[in-house]
């Protein structure tokens, strides 16, 4: 689950990035408002954590500009401004949630998961496609109630496909969800992970759409 972190404090930013990675997120970290705006405009992120007191461009301005461009990426505002008018201003500017520093990393991760869940029209954490169930909290995959040995990058790839069940994703789109900046990606990495996943999942769980990409259908047969 790839998210953007916009925070100019090096100590806090490094701590948040490390903590969110431990919670299973892929994190790209920027340190100013101009960079935050540019990254959000790509539409590459499932959610963003945005500090309001950024250099070069205030977080409020970032929010206003990306919302004006119809970017709907869920944004959680992170700030030291704890007055009610400031919270109202942030929400009215387009923020989806609000946390005041200092924060608890587990709460931040939970709020991000909730934002992503709501943005995909889900009412619960578990993703279900027929007899296949993926629990993001437990990092666990089950088929008809039986736990499968799917971890690491294979789990993350299946998470991407199930979060987009019914939608064909290209290799480039999958890579965009799975990898942070600067991570080296072998040309056949996605194909290798798909191959390994298929050996652990029931037949035809992951369909290849020739020349387009891969898809997990919503009604995977039990």
N, C-alpha and C. Protein backbone atom coordinates (compact mmCIF):
# COMPACT_ATOMS: atom_id res chain seq x y z
N UNK A 1 0.86 -1.18 0.00
CA UNK A 1 0.00 0.00 0.00
C UNK A 1 0.90 1.24 0.00
N UNK A 2 0.96 1.93 -1.12
CA UNK A 2 1.90 3.02 -1.29
C UNK A 2 1.27 4.35 -0.86
N UNK A 3 1.98 5.09 0.03
CA UNK A 3 1.48 6.36 0.51
C UNK A 3 2.56 7.43 0.38
N UNK A 4 2.14 8.67 0.35
CA UNK A 4 3.05 9.81 0.31
C UNK A 4 3.12 10.43 1.69
N UNK A 5 4.33 10.72 2.14
CA UNK A 5 4.56 11.43 3.40
C UNK A 5 5.19 12.78 3.08
N UNK A 6 4.55 13.86 3.49
CA UNK A 6 5.08 15.21 3.29
C UNK A 6 5.34 15.81 4.66
N UNK A 7 6.61 15.83 5.07
CA UNK A 7 7.01 16.30 6.40
C UNK A 7 8.43 16.85 6.30
N UNK A 8 8.63 18.11 6.78
CA UNK A 8 9.94 18.73 6.64
C UNK A 8 10.88 18.47 7.80
N UNK A 9 10.37 17.97 8.92
CA UNK A 9 11.22 17.65 10.06
C UNK A 9 11.90 16.30 9.83
N UNK A 10 13.25 16.30 9.73
CA UNK A 10 13.98 15.09 9.39
C UNK A 10 13.78 13.98 10.41
N UNK A 11 13.82 14.32 11.69
CA UNK A 11 13.69 13.30 12.74
C UNK A 11 12.30 12.68 12.72
N UNK A 12 11.27 13.54 12.67
CA UNK A 12 9.90 13.04 12.64
C UNK A 12 9.62 12.28 11.35
N UNK A 13 10.08 12.83 10.24
CA UNK A 13 9.83 12.18 8.96
C UNK A 13 10.45 10.80 8.87
N UNK A 14 11.70 10.68 9.33
CA UNK A 14 12.35 9.37 9.27
C UNK A 14 11.66 8.37 10.19
N UNK A 15 11.19 8.86 11.35
CA UNK A 15 10.47 7.99 12.27
C UNK A 15 9.14 7.53 11.72
N UNK A 16 8.42 8.45 11.09
CA UNK A 16 7.12 8.10 10.49
C UNK A 16 7.31 7.13 9.34
N UNK A 17 8.30 7.38 8.51
CA UNK A 17 8.53 6.47 7.38
C UNK A 17 8.87 5.06 7.87
N UNK A 18 9.78 4.98 8.86
CA UNK A 18 10.16 3.67 9.39
C UNK A 18 8.97 2.96 10.03
N UNK A 19 8.19 3.72 10.81
CA UNK A 19 7.04 3.13 11.48
C UNK A 19 5.97 2.65 10.52
N UNK A 20 5.69 3.44 9.49
CA UNK A 20 4.68 3.04 8.51
C UNK A 20 5.15 1.85 7.68
N UNK A 21 6.45 1.79 7.40
CA UNK A 21 6.96 0.61 6.70
C UNK A 21 6.76 -0.64 7.53
N UNK A 22 6.97 -0.53 8.83
CA UNK A 22 6.75 -1.68 9.70
C UNK A 22 5.28 -2.11 9.71
N UNK A 23 4.39 -1.16 9.42
CA UNK A 23 2.96 -1.45 9.37
C UNK A 23 2.52 -1.93 7.99
N UNK A 24 3.48 -2.11 7.08
CA UNK A 24 3.17 -2.67 5.77
C UNK A 24 2.96 -1.68 4.65
N UNK A 25 3.27 -0.40 4.88
CA UNK A 25 3.10 0.62 3.85
C UNK A 25 4.40 0.79 3.05
N UNK A 26 4.26 1.15 1.79
CA UNK A 26 5.37 1.64 0.98
C UNK A 26 5.31 3.17 1.06
N UNK A 27 6.41 3.81 1.46
CA UNK A 27 6.37 5.24 1.78
C UNK A 27 7.36 6.02 0.93
N UNK A 28 6.85 7.02 0.19
CA UNK A 28 7.69 8.01 -0.47
C UNK A 28 7.63 9.29 0.36
N UNK A 29 8.79 9.86 0.67
CA UNK A 29 8.87 10.98 1.61
C UNK A 29 9.37 12.23 0.90
N UNK A 30 8.59 13.32 0.96
CA UNK A 30 9.02 14.62 0.45
C UNK A 30 9.06 15.60 1.61
N UNK A 31 9.82 16.69 1.43
CA UNK A 31 10.08 17.60 2.55
C UNK A 31 9.59 19.02 2.32
N UNK A 32 8.89 19.29 1.23
CA UNK A 32 8.36 20.64 1.03
C UNK A 32 7.05 20.58 0.26
N UNK A 33 6.32 21.69 0.28
CA UNK A 33 4.99 21.73 -0.29
C UNK A 33 4.94 21.63 -1.80
N UNK A 34 5.95 22.16 -2.48
CA UNK A 34 5.99 22.07 -3.94
C UNK A 34 6.14 20.62 -4.37
N UNK A 35 7.06 19.91 -3.71
CA UNK A 35 7.25 18.49 -4.03
C UNK A 35 6.00 17.69 -3.70
N UNK A 36 5.34 18.04 -2.58
CA UNK A 36 4.12 17.33 -2.20
C UNK A 36 3.04 17.51 -3.27
N UNK A 37 2.86 18.74 -3.73
CA UNK A 37 1.87 18.99 -4.77
C UNK A 37 2.18 18.20 -6.03
N UNK A 38 3.45 18.23 -6.46
CA UNK A 38 3.83 17.52 -7.69
C UNK A 38 3.57 16.02 -7.58
N UNK A 39 3.88 15.45 -6.43
CA UNK A 39 3.67 14.01 -6.25
C UNK A 39 2.18 13.66 -6.20
N UNK A 40 1.40 14.46 -5.49
CA UNK A 40 -0.03 14.19 -5.41
C UNK A 40 -0.70 14.30 -6.78
N UNK A 41 -0.23 15.18 -7.61
CA UNK A 41 -0.81 15.35 -8.94
C UNK A 41 -0.59 14.14 -9.83
N UNK A 42 0.37 13.27 -9.48
CA UNK A 42 0.58 12.06 -10.28
C UNK A 42 -0.54 11.05 -10.09
N UNK A 43 -1.25 11.14 -8.95
CA UNK A 43 -2.30 10.18 -8.65
C UNK A 43 -1.79 8.79 -8.34
N UNK A 44 -0.50 8.69 -7.96
CA UNK A 44 0.13 7.38 -7.76
C UNK A 44 -0.08 6.78 -6.38
N UNK A 45 -0.70 7.54 -5.47
CA UNK A 45 -0.74 7.11 -4.07
C UNK A 45 -2.15 6.76 -3.63
N UNK A 46 -2.23 5.79 -2.73
CA UNK A 46 -3.52 5.42 -2.16
C UNK A 46 -3.96 6.40 -1.08
N UNK A 47 -2.98 7.07 -0.46
CA UNK A 47 -3.28 8.07 0.57
C UNK A 47 -2.03 8.92 0.78
N UNK A 48 -2.21 10.04 1.49
CA UNK A 48 -1.09 10.93 1.79
C UNK A 48 -1.19 11.44 3.22
N UNK A 49 -0.02 11.60 3.84
CA UNK A 49 0.09 12.25 5.14
C UNK A 49 0.75 13.60 4.89
N UNK A 50 0.04 14.67 5.18
CA UNK A 50 0.48 16.01 4.78
C UNK A 50 0.63 16.92 5.98
N UNK A 51 1.86 17.37 6.24
CA UNK A 51 2.10 18.37 7.28
C UNK A 51 1.67 19.73 6.73
N UNK A 52 1.05 20.55 7.57
CA UNK A 52 0.60 21.86 7.09
C UNK A 52 1.73 22.87 7.05
N UNK A 53 2.68 22.76 7.96
CA UNK A 53 3.74 23.76 8.04
C UNK A 53 4.95 23.43 7.19
N UNK A 54 4.73 23.24 5.89
CA UNK A 54 5.81 22.87 4.99
C UNK A 54 6.50 24.10 4.40
N UNK A 55 7.81 24.02 4.12
CA UNK A 55 8.48 25.12 3.42
C UNK A 55 8.09 25.15 1.95
N UNK A 56 8.35 26.29 1.31
CA UNK A 56 8.10 26.54 -0.11
C UNK A 56 6.61 26.68 -0.45
N UNK A 57 5.77 25.91 0.24
CA UNK A 57 4.33 26.03 0.01
C UNK A 57 3.60 25.38 1.19
N UNK A 58 2.70 26.14 1.79
CA UNK A 58 1.96 25.64 2.94
C UNK A 58 1.06 24.47 2.56
N UNK A 59 0.86 23.57 3.51
CA UNK A 59 0.02 22.41 3.26
C UNK A 59 -1.39 22.76 2.84
N UNK A 60 -1.94 23.85 3.38
CA UNK A 60 -3.27 24.29 2.98
C UNK A 60 -3.32 24.61 1.49
N UNK A 61 -2.28 25.26 0.99
CA UNK A 61 -2.22 25.58 -0.43
C UNK A 61 -2.09 24.33 -1.27
N UNK A 62 -1.31 23.37 -0.77
CA UNK A 62 -1.17 22.09 -1.48
C UNK A 62 -2.54 21.44 -1.63
N UNK A 63 -3.27 21.37 -0.52
CA UNK A 63 -4.61 20.76 -0.53
C UNK A 63 -5.52 21.46 -1.54
N UNK A 64 -5.55 22.78 -1.47
CA UNK A 64 -6.45 23.55 -2.33
C UNK A 64 -6.12 23.30 -3.81
N UNK A 65 -4.84 23.25 -4.14
CA UNK A 65 -4.45 23.09 -5.54
C UNK A 65 -4.75 21.70 -6.07
N UNK A 66 -4.46 20.67 -5.27
CA UNK A 66 -4.70 19.31 -5.78
C UNK A 66 -6.20 19.01 -5.85
N UNK A 67 -6.99 19.55 -4.91
CA UNK A 67 -8.43 19.35 -5.00
C UNK A 67 -9.02 20.11 -6.19
N UNK A 68 -8.45 21.26 -6.49
CA UNK A 68 -8.92 22.02 -7.65
C UNK A 68 -8.65 21.27 -8.95
N UNK A 69 -7.62 20.41 -8.93
CA UNK A 69 -7.28 19.60 -10.10
C UNK A 69 -8.01 18.26 -10.09
N UNK A 70 -8.97 18.11 -9.18
CA UNK A 70 -9.82 16.91 -9.11
C UNK A 70 -9.05 15.67 -8.67
N UNK A 71 -7.95 15.86 -7.95
CA UNK A 71 -7.22 14.73 -7.37
C UNK A 71 -7.95 14.31 -6.10
N UNK A 72 -8.39 13.06 -6.04
CA UNK A 72 -9.22 12.61 -4.92
C UNK A 72 -8.46 11.73 -3.93
N UNK A 73 -7.15 11.66 -4.05
CA UNK A 73 -6.35 10.87 -3.11
C UNK A 73 -6.68 11.27 -1.67
N UNK A 74 -7.03 10.31 -0.80
CA UNK A 74 -7.31 10.66 0.60
C UNK A 74 -6.10 11.30 1.26
N UNK A 75 -6.32 12.40 1.96
CA UNK A 75 -5.23 13.13 2.62
C UNK A 75 -5.51 13.24 4.11
N UNK A 76 -4.54 12.79 4.89
CA UNK A 76 -4.59 12.97 6.34
C UNK A 76 -3.65 14.10 6.70
N UNK A 77 -4.19 15.15 7.27
CA UNK A 77 -3.40 16.31 7.66
C UNK A 77 -2.73 16.05 9.01
N UNK A 78 -1.43 16.31 9.06
CA UNK A 78 -0.64 16.12 10.27
C UNK A 78 -0.06 17.48 10.64
N UNK A 79 -0.39 17.98 11.83
CA UNK A 79 0.01 19.34 12.15
C UNK A 79 0.11 19.57 13.65
N UNK A 80 0.82 20.63 14.02
CA UNK A 80 0.89 21.05 15.42
C UNK A 80 -0.20 22.07 15.73
N UNK A 81 -0.96 22.48 14.72
CA UNK A 81 -2.02 23.47 14.92
C UNK A 81 -3.27 22.76 15.45
N UNK A 82 -3.49 22.86 16.76
CA UNK A 82 -4.56 22.07 17.36
C UNK A 82 -5.83 22.87 17.66
N UNK A 83 -5.87 24.13 17.26
CA UNK A 83 -7.07 24.92 17.50
C UNK A 83 -8.20 24.45 16.58
N UNK A 84 -9.41 24.50 17.08
CA UNK A 84 -10.57 24.04 16.31
C UNK A 84 -10.68 24.75 14.96
N UNK A 85 -10.52 26.09 14.88
CA UNK A 85 -10.61 26.75 13.56
C UNK A 85 -9.60 26.21 12.56
N UNK A 86 -8.39 25.85 13.03
CA UNK A 86 -7.39 25.29 12.12
C UNK A 86 -7.84 23.92 11.60
N UNK A 87 -8.43 23.11 12.48
CA UNK A 87 -8.91 21.80 12.05
C UNK A 87 -10.03 21.96 11.03
N UNK A 88 -10.93 22.88 11.30
CA UNK A 88 -12.04 23.13 10.38
C UNK A 88 -11.51 23.61 9.03
N UNK A 89 -10.53 24.50 9.07
CA UNK A 89 -9.98 25.03 7.82
C UNK A 89 -9.34 23.91 6.99
N UNK A 90 -8.61 23.01 7.67
CA UNK A 90 -7.98 21.91 6.96
C UNK A 90 -8.99 20.98 6.33
N UNK A 91 -10.04 20.65 7.06
CA UNK A 91 -11.07 19.77 6.52
C UNK A 91 -11.82 20.44 5.38
N UNK A 92 -12.11 21.72 5.53
CA UNK A 92 -12.82 22.44 4.47
C UNK A 92 -11.95 22.59 3.22
N UNK A 93 -10.64 22.60 3.40
CA UNK A 93 -9.73 22.72 2.26
C UNK A 93 -9.62 21.42 1.47
N UNK A 94 -10.14 20.33 2.05
CA UNK A 94 -10.12 19.07 1.30
C UNK A 94 -9.47 17.92 2.02
N UNK A 95 -9.05 18.11 3.28
CA UNK A 95 -8.47 17.00 4.04
C UNK A 95 -9.56 15.99 4.38
N UNK A 96 -9.17 14.73 4.46
CA UNK A 96 -10.12 13.66 4.79
C UNK A 96 -10.05 13.27 6.26
N UNK A 97 -8.94 13.60 6.91
CA UNK A 97 -8.78 13.29 8.33
C UNK A 97 -7.71 14.22 8.89
N UNK A 98 -7.55 14.19 10.21
CA UNK A 98 -6.72 15.19 10.89
C UNK A 98 -6.10 14.56 12.13
N UNK A 99 -4.79 14.70 12.28
CA UNK A 99 -4.10 14.28 13.49
C UNK A 99 -3.19 15.40 13.98
N UNK A 100 -3.21 15.62 15.28
CA UNK A 100 -2.37 16.67 15.88
C UNK A 100 -1.13 16.02 16.49
N UNK A 101 0.03 16.61 16.23
CA UNK A 101 1.29 16.13 16.81
C UNK A 101 1.29 16.38 18.32
N UNK A 102 1.94 15.51 19.10
CA UNK A 102 2.58 14.24 18.71
C UNK A 102 1.53 13.17 18.44
N UNK A 103 1.91 12.18 17.65
CA UNK A 103 0.94 11.17 17.21
C UNK A 103 1.39 9.78 17.62
N UNK A 104 0.45 8.86 17.59
CA UNK A 104 0.73 7.46 17.81
C UNK A 104 0.79 6.77 16.45
N UNK A 105 1.87 6.05 16.16
CA UNK A 105 2.05 5.44 14.85
C UNK A 105 0.96 4.43 14.52
N UNK A 106 0.52 3.69 15.52
CA UNK A 106 -0.52 2.70 15.28
C UNK A 106 -1.83 3.38 14.90
N UNK A 107 -2.12 4.51 15.54
CA UNK A 107 -3.33 5.24 15.19
C UNK A 107 -3.21 5.82 13.79
N UNK A 108 -2.05 6.36 13.45
CA UNK A 108 -1.84 6.90 12.11
C UNK A 108 -2.05 5.81 11.06
N UNK A 109 -1.47 4.63 11.28
CA UNK A 109 -1.62 3.53 10.33
C UNK A 109 -3.08 3.11 10.22
N UNK A 110 -3.78 3.04 11.35
CA UNK A 110 -5.18 2.64 11.33
C UNK A 110 -6.03 3.65 10.57
N UNK A 111 -5.74 4.93 10.78
CA UNK A 111 -6.51 5.96 10.08
C UNK A 111 -6.25 5.92 8.58
N UNK A 112 -5.00 5.65 8.18
CA UNK A 112 -4.68 5.54 6.76
C UNK A 112 -5.41 4.35 6.14
N UNK A 113 -5.41 3.22 6.84
CA UNK A 113 -6.13 2.06 6.32
C UNK A 113 -7.63 2.37 6.16
N UNK A 114 -8.18 3.10 7.13
CA UNK A 114 -9.60 3.46 7.06
C UNK A 114 -9.87 4.39 5.88
N UNK A 115 -8.96 5.34 5.64
CA UNK A 115 -9.14 6.25 4.51
C UNK A 115 -9.12 5.50 3.19
N UNK A 116 -8.17 4.57 3.05
CA UNK A 116 -8.07 3.79 1.82
C UNK A 116 -9.31 2.91 1.66
N UNK A 117 -9.74 2.31 2.76
CA UNK A 117 -10.92 1.44 2.72
C UNK A 117 -12.15 2.24 2.26
N UNK A 118 -12.34 3.41 2.85
CA UNK A 118 -13.51 4.22 2.48
C UNK A 118 -13.43 4.69 1.03
N UNK A 119 -12.22 5.03 0.59
CA UNK A 119 -12.07 5.53 -0.78
C UNK A 119 -12.37 4.45 -1.82
N UNK A 120 -12.29 3.17 -1.39
CA UNK A 120 -12.61 2.06 -2.29
C UNK A 120 -14.00 1.48 -2.01
N UNK A 121 -14.78 2.20 -1.19
CA UNK A 121 -16.14 1.76 -0.93
C UNK A 121 -16.26 0.52 -0.08
N UNK A 122 -15.24 0.26 0.76
CA UNK A 122 -15.26 -0.93 1.61
C UNK A 122 -15.69 -0.56 3.01
N UNK A 123 -16.43 -1.46 3.64
CA UNK A 123 -16.90 -1.20 5.00
C UNK A 123 -16.14 -2.00 6.04
N UNK A 124 -15.25 -2.89 5.61
CA UNK A 124 -14.46 -3.67 6.55
C UNK A 124 -13.05 -3.84 6.01
N UNK A 125 -12.11 -4.21 6.90
CA UNK A 125 -10.72 -4.35 6.49
C UNK A 125 -10.50 -5.49 5.52
N UNK A 126 -11.13 -6.65 5.78
CA UNK A 126 -10.89 -7.84 4.97
C UNK A 126 -11.38 -7.63 3.54
N UNK A 127 -10.56 -8.09 2.58
CA UNK A 127 -10.94 -8.08 1.17
C UNK A 127 -11.37 -9.49 0.80
N UNK A 128 -12.51 -9.62 0.15
CA UNK A 128 -13.07 -10.93 -0.15
C UNK A 128 -13.40 -11.02 -1.63
N UNK A 129 -12.98 -12.13 -2.26
CA UNK A 129 -13.33 -12.44 -3.63
C UNK A 129 -13.70 -13.92 -3.67
N UNK A 130 -14.99 -14.20 -3.61
CA UNK A 130 -15.42 -15.58 -3.53
C UNK A 130 -14.92 -16.23 -2.25
N UNK A 131 -14.21 -17.35 -2.38
CA UNK A 131 -13.67 -18.04 -1.21
C UNK A 131 -12.32 -17.52 -0.75
N UNK A 132 -11.80 -16.49 -1.44
CA UNK A 132 -10.50 -15.92 -1.11
C UNK A 132 -10.68 -14.71 -0.21
N UNK A 133 -9.93 -14.68 0.91
CA UNK A 133 -10.03 -13.57 1.85
C UNK A 133 -8.64 -13.10 2.24
N UNK A 134 -8.43 -11.78 2.19
CA UNK A 134 -7.16 -11.19 2.58
C UNK A 134 -7.42 -10.20 3.71
N UNK A 135 -6.73 -10.39 4.83
CA UNK A 135 -6.88 -9.54 6.01
C UNK A 135 -5.65 -8.65 6.15
N UNK A 136 -5.76 -7.34 5.83
CA UNK A 136 -4.60 -6.44 5.91
C UNK A 136 -4.05 -6.27 7.32
N UNK A 137 -4.89 -6.41 8.34
CA UNK A 137 -4.42 -6.24 9.72
C UNK A 137 -3.57 -7.42 10.16
N UNK A 138 -4.02 -8.62 9.83
CA UNK A 138 -3.28 -9.83 10.22
C UNK A 138 -2.22 -10.20 9.19
N UNK A 139 -2.20 -9.52 8.04
CA UNK A 139 -1.31 -9.88 6.93
C UNK A 139 -1.47 -11.36 6.62
N UNK A 140 -2.72 -11.75 6.40
CA UNK A 140 -3.04 -13.16 6.25
C UNK A 140 -3.99 -13.37 5.08
N UNK A 141 -3.76 -14.47 4.36
CA UNK A 141 -4.63 -14.83 3.24
C UNK A 141 -5.25 -16.19 3.52
N UNK A 142 -6.56 -16.30 3.30
CA UNK A 142 -7.26 -17.56 3.52
C UNK A 142 -8.04 -17.96 2.26
N UNK A 143 -8.12 -19.26 2.04
CA UNK A 143 -8.98 -19.80 1.00
C UNK A 143 -9.96 -20.76 1.65
N UNK A 144 -11.23 -20.44 1.59
CA UNK A 144 -12.26 -21.23 2.26
C UNK A 144 -11.92 -21.49 3.72
N UNK A 145 -11.37 -20.49 4.38
CA UNK A 145 -11.07 -20.57 5.81
C UNK A 145 -9.72 -21.13 6.14
N UNK A 146 -8.98 -21.62 5.16
CA UNK A 146 -7.65 -22.19 5.40
C UNK A 146 -6.56 -21.17 5.11
N UNK A 147 -5.64 -20.98 6.06
CA UNK A 147 -4.58 -19.99 5.89
C UNK A 147 -3.57 -20.47 4.85
N UNK A 148 -3.23 -19.58 3.92
CA UNK A 148 -2.26 -19.88 2.87
C UNK A 148 -0.91 -19.25 3.20
N UNK A 149 0.15 -19.87 2.73
CA UNK A 149 1.51 -19.38 2.98
C UNK A 149 1.88 -18.33 1.94
N UNK A 150 1.32 -17.15 2.12
CA UNK A 150 1.58 -16.03 1.20
C UNK A 150 2.05 -14.84 2.02
N UNK A 151 3.30 -14.47 1.83
CA UNK A 151 3.91 -13.38 2.61
C UNK A 151 4.75 -12.49 1.69
N UNK A 152 5.31 -11.45 2.30
CA UNK A 152 6.25 -10.58 1.58
C UNK A 152 5.65 -9.94 0.35
N UNK A 153 6.46 -9.87 -0.72
CA UNK A 153 6.02 -9.19 -1.94
C UNK A 153 4.85 -9.90 -2.60
N UNK A 154 4.77 -11.21 -2.45
CA UNK A 154 3.63 -11.94 -3.02
C UNK A 154 2.32 -11.49 -2.36
N UNK A 155 2.37 -11.34 -1.04
CA UNK A 155 1.19 -10.86 -0.31
C UNK A 155 0.81 -9.46 -0.79
N UNK A 156 1.81 -8.58 -0.91
CA UNK A 156 1.54 -7.21 -1.32
C UNK A 156 0.93 -7.16 -2.72
N UNK A 157 1.43 -8.02 -3.62
CA UNK A 157 0.90 -8.05 -4.98
C UNK A 157 -0.55 -8.53 -4.98
N UNK A 158 -0.83 -9.58 -4.22
CA UNK A 158 -2.20 -10.07 -4.14
C UNK A 158 -3.12 -9.01 -3.52
N UNK A 159 -2.60 -8.27 -2.54
CA UNK A 159 -3.36 -7.19 -1.92
C UNK A 159 -3.76 -6.15 -2.97
N UNK A 160 -2.83 -5.78 -3.82
CA UNK A 160 -3.12 -4.81 -4.88
C UNK A 160 -4.21 -5.34 -5.81
N UNK A 161 -4.07 -6.60 -6.24
CA UNK A 161 -5.05 -7.17 -7.16
C UNK A 161 -6.43 -7.30 -6.53
N UNK A 162 -6.48 -7.70 -5.25
CA UNK A 162 -7.78 -7.86 -4.61
C UNK A 162 -8.42 -6.52 -4.28
N UNK A 163 -7.60 -5.52 -3.98
CA UNK A 163 -8.16 -4.19 -3.73
C UNK A 163 -8.77 -3.62 -5.01
N UNK A 164 -8.30 -4.12 -6.15
CA UNK A 164 -8.83 -3.68 -7.45
C UNK A 164 -9.56 -4.83 -8.15
N UNK A 165 -10.20 -5.69 -7.37
CA UNK A 165 -10.88 -6.86 -7.94
C UNK A 165 -11.84 -6.46 -9.05
N UNK A 166 -11.74 -7.20 -10.15
CA UNK A 166 -12.58 -6.90 -11.30
C UNK A 166 -11.96 -5.92 -12.28
N UNK A 167 -10.83 -5.33 -11.90
CA UNK A 167 -10.16 -4.34 -12.74
C UNK A 167 -8.82 -4.89 -13.20
N UNK A 168 -8.55 -4.84 -14.49
CA UNK A 168 -7.28 -5.33 -15.03
C UNK A 168 -6.19 -4.30 -14.77
N UNK A 169 -5.09 -4.74 -14.15
CA UNK A 169 -3.96 -3.85 -13.87
C UNK A 169 -2.76 -4.25 -14.72
N UNK A 170 -2.13 -3.27 -15.32
CA UNK A 170 -0.92 -3.54 -16.10
C UNK A 170 0.26 -3.77 -15.17
N UNK A 171 1.34 -4.29 -15.73
CA UNK A 171 2.55 -4.49 -14.93
C UNK A 171 3.03 -3.15 -14.36
N UNK A 172 2.98 -2.10 -15.17
CA UNK A 172 3.44 -0.78 -14.71
C UNK A 172 2.58 -0.28 -13.55
N UNK A 173 1.28 -0.49 -13.63
CA UNK A 173 0.39 -0.05 -12.54
C UNK A 173 0.68 -0.83 -11.26
N UNK A 174 0.92 -2.12 -11.39
CA UNK A 174 1.24 -2.93 -10.21
C UNK A 174 2.56 -2.48 -9.59
N UNK A 175 3.56 -2.24 -10.42
CA UNK A 175 4.85 -1.78 -9.91
C UNK A 175 4.70 -0.44 -9.18
N UNK A 176 3.85 0.42 -9.70
CA UNK A 176 3.62 1.73 -9.08
C UNK A 176 3.07 1.59 -7.67
N UNK A 177 2.24 0.57 -7.45
CA UNK A 177 1.67 0.33 -6.13
C UNK A 177 2.66 -0.35 -5.18
N UNK A 178 3.57 -1.14 -5.72
CA UNK A 178 4.41 -2.00 -4.88
C UNK A 178 5.74 -1.40 -4.47
N UNK A 179 6.28 -0.51 -5.29
CA UNK A 179 7.66 -0.09 -5.07
C UNK A 179 7.77 1.41 -4.79
N UNK A 180 8.66 1.73 -3.83
CA UNK A 180 8.97 3.12 -3.52
C UNK A 180 9.98 3.64 -4.53
N UNK A 181 10.25 4.97 -4.45
CA UNK A 181 11.28 5.55 -5.29
C UNK A 181 12.60 4.82 -5.09
N UNK A 182 13.35 4.67 -6.17
CA UNK A 182 14.72 4.17 -6.06
C UNK A 182 14.85 2.68 -5.86
N UNK A 183 13.75 1.98 -5.64
CA UNK A 183 13.84 0.53 -5.49
C UNK A 183 14.09 -0.09 -6.85
N UNK A 184 15.11 -0.94 -6.91
CA UNK A 184 15.43 -1.60 -8.17
C UNK A 184 14.41 -2.69 -8.45
N UNK A 185 13.86 -2.66 -9.66
CA UNK A 185 12.82 -3.62 -10.03
C UNK A 185 13.29 -4.38 -11.27
N UNK A 186 13.46 -5.69 -11.14
CA UNK A 186 13.84 -6.51 -12.28
C UNK A 186 12.73 -6.48 -13.33
N UNK A 187 13.11 -6.61 -14.59
CA UNK A 187 12.14 -6.49 -15.68
C UNK A 187 11.04 -7.55 -15.61
N UNK A 188 11.36 -8.69 -15.02
CA UNK A 188 10.36 -9.76 -14.94
C UNK A 188 9.86 -10.01 -13.52
N UNK A 189 10.07 -9.03 -12.63
CA UNK A 189 9.74 -9.24 -11.21
C UNK A 189 8.26 -9.55 -11.00
N UNK A 190 7.38 -8.80 -11.65
CA UNK A 190 5.94 -9.02 -11.46
C UNK A 190 5.55 -10.39 -11.97
N UNK A 191 6.06 -10.77 -13.13
CA UNK A 191 5.74 -12.08 -13.69
C UNK A 191 6.18 -13.21 -12.77
N UNK A 192 7.36 -13.05 -12.15
CA UNK A 192 7.87 -14.07 -11.22
C UNK A 192 6.97 -14.19 -10.00
N UNK A 193 6.57 -13.04 -9.44
CA UNK A 193 5.69 -13.06 -8.26
C UNK A 193 4.33 -13.66 -8.62
N UNK A 194 3.81 -13.34 -9.79
CA UNK A 194 2.54 -13.91 -10.24
C UNK A 194 2.66 -15.43 -10.35
N UNK A 195 3.76 -15.89 -10.91
CA UNK A 195 4.00 -17.33 -11.05
C UNK A 195 3.99 -18.02 -9.70
N UNK A 196 4.69 -17.44 -8.72
CA UNK A 196 4.75 -18.03 -7.38
C UNK A 196 3.38 -18.00 -6.70
N UNK A 197 2.65 -16.91 -6.89
CA UNK A 197 1.31 -16.81 -6.31
C UNK A 197 0.39 -17.89 -6.86
N UNK A 198 0.46 -18.10 -8.15
CA UNK A 198 -0.43 -19.08 -8.79
C UNK A 198 -0.19 -20.49 -8.27
N UNK A 199 1.02 -20.77 -7.84
CA UNK A 199 1.31 -22.10 -7.30
C UNK A 199 0.69 -22.29 -5.92
N UNK A 200 0.34 -21.19 -5.26
CA UNK A 200 -0.23 -21.26 -3.90
C UNK A 200 -1.73 -21.03 -3.88
N UNK A 201 -2.28 -20.50 -4.97
CA UNK A 201 -3.70 -20.19 -5.03
C UNK A 201 -4.43 -21.22 -5.90
N UNK A 202 -5.75 -21.35 -5.73
CA UNK A 202 -6.52 -22.24 -6.60
C UNK A 202 -6.39 -21.80 -8.07
N UNK A 203 -6.57 -22.74 -8.99
CA UNK A 203 -6.45 -22.41 -10.42
C UNK A 203 -7.37 -21.26 -10.82
N UNK A 204 -6.87 -20.44 -11.74
CA UNK A 204 -7.65 -19.35 -12.35
C UNK A 204 -8.00 -18.22 -11.39
N UNK A 205 -7.35 -18.19 -10.19
CA UNK A 205 -7.59 -17.06 -9.29
C UNK A 205 -7.11 -15.76 -9.92
N UNK A 206 -5.92 -15.80 -10.50
CA UNK A 206 -5.36 -14.63 -11.18
C UNK A 206 -5.40 -14.89 -12.68
N UNK A 207 -6.13 -14.05 -13.39
CA UNK A 207 -6.26 -14.21 -14.84
C UNK A 207 -5.30 -13.26 -15.55
N UNK A 208 -4.65 -13.76 -16.59
CA UNK A 208 -3.83 -12.92 -17.45
C UNK A 208 -4.67 -12.44 -18.62
N UNK A 209 -4.75 -11.14 -18.80
CA UNK A 209 -5.42 -10.57 -19.96
C UNK A 209 -4.33 -10.19 -20.94
N UNK A 210 -4.20 -10.98 -21.97
CA UNK A 210 -3.06 -10.85 -22.89
C UNK A 210 -2.91 -9.43 -23.42
N UNK A 211 -1.69 -8.93 -23.29
CA UNK A 211 -1.37 -7.60 -23.78
C UNK A 211 -1.84 -6.46 -22.89
N UNK A 212 -2.51 -6.80 -21.78
CA UNK A 212 -3.02 -5.76 -20.88
C UNK A 212 -2.46 -5.91 -19.48
N UNK A 213 -2.72 -7.04 -18.82
CA UNK A 213 -2.21 -7.20 -17.45
C UNK A 213 -2.87 -8.36 -16.73
N UNK A 214 -3.17 -8.15 -15.46
CA UNK A 214 -3.67 -9.23 -14.60
C UNK A 214 -4.90 -8.76 -13.82
N UNK A 215 -5.76 -9.73 -13.45
CA UNK A 215 -6.97 -9.38 -12.74
C UNK A 215 -7.38 -10.54 -11.82
N UNK A 216 -7.88 -10.19 -10.64
CA UNK A 216 -8.59 -11.12 -9.76
C UNK A 216 -10.05 -10.72 -9.85
N UNK A 217 -10.91 -11.66 -10.22
CA UNK A 217 -12.32 -11.34 -10.36
C UNK A 217 -13.01 -11.36 -9.00
N UNK A 218 -14.03 -10.54 -8.86
CA UNK A 218 -14.74 -10.41 -7.59
C UNK A 218 -15.39 -11.72 -7.15
N UNK A 219 -15.82 -12.51 -8.12
CA UNK A 219 -16.50 -13.76 -7.77
C UNK A 219 -15.63 -14.97 -8.00
N UNK A 220 -14.40 -14.97 -7.46
CA UNK A 220 -13.53 -16.15 -7.59
C UNK A 220 -14.27 -17.35 -7.04
N UNK A 221 -14.33 -18.42 -7.82
CA UNK A 221 -15.12 -19.59 -7.41
C UNK A 221 -14.48 -20.30 -6.24
N UNK A 222 -15.30 -20.75 -5.30
CA UNK A 222 -14.82 -21.51 -4.16
C UNK A 222 -14.60 -22.95 -4.56
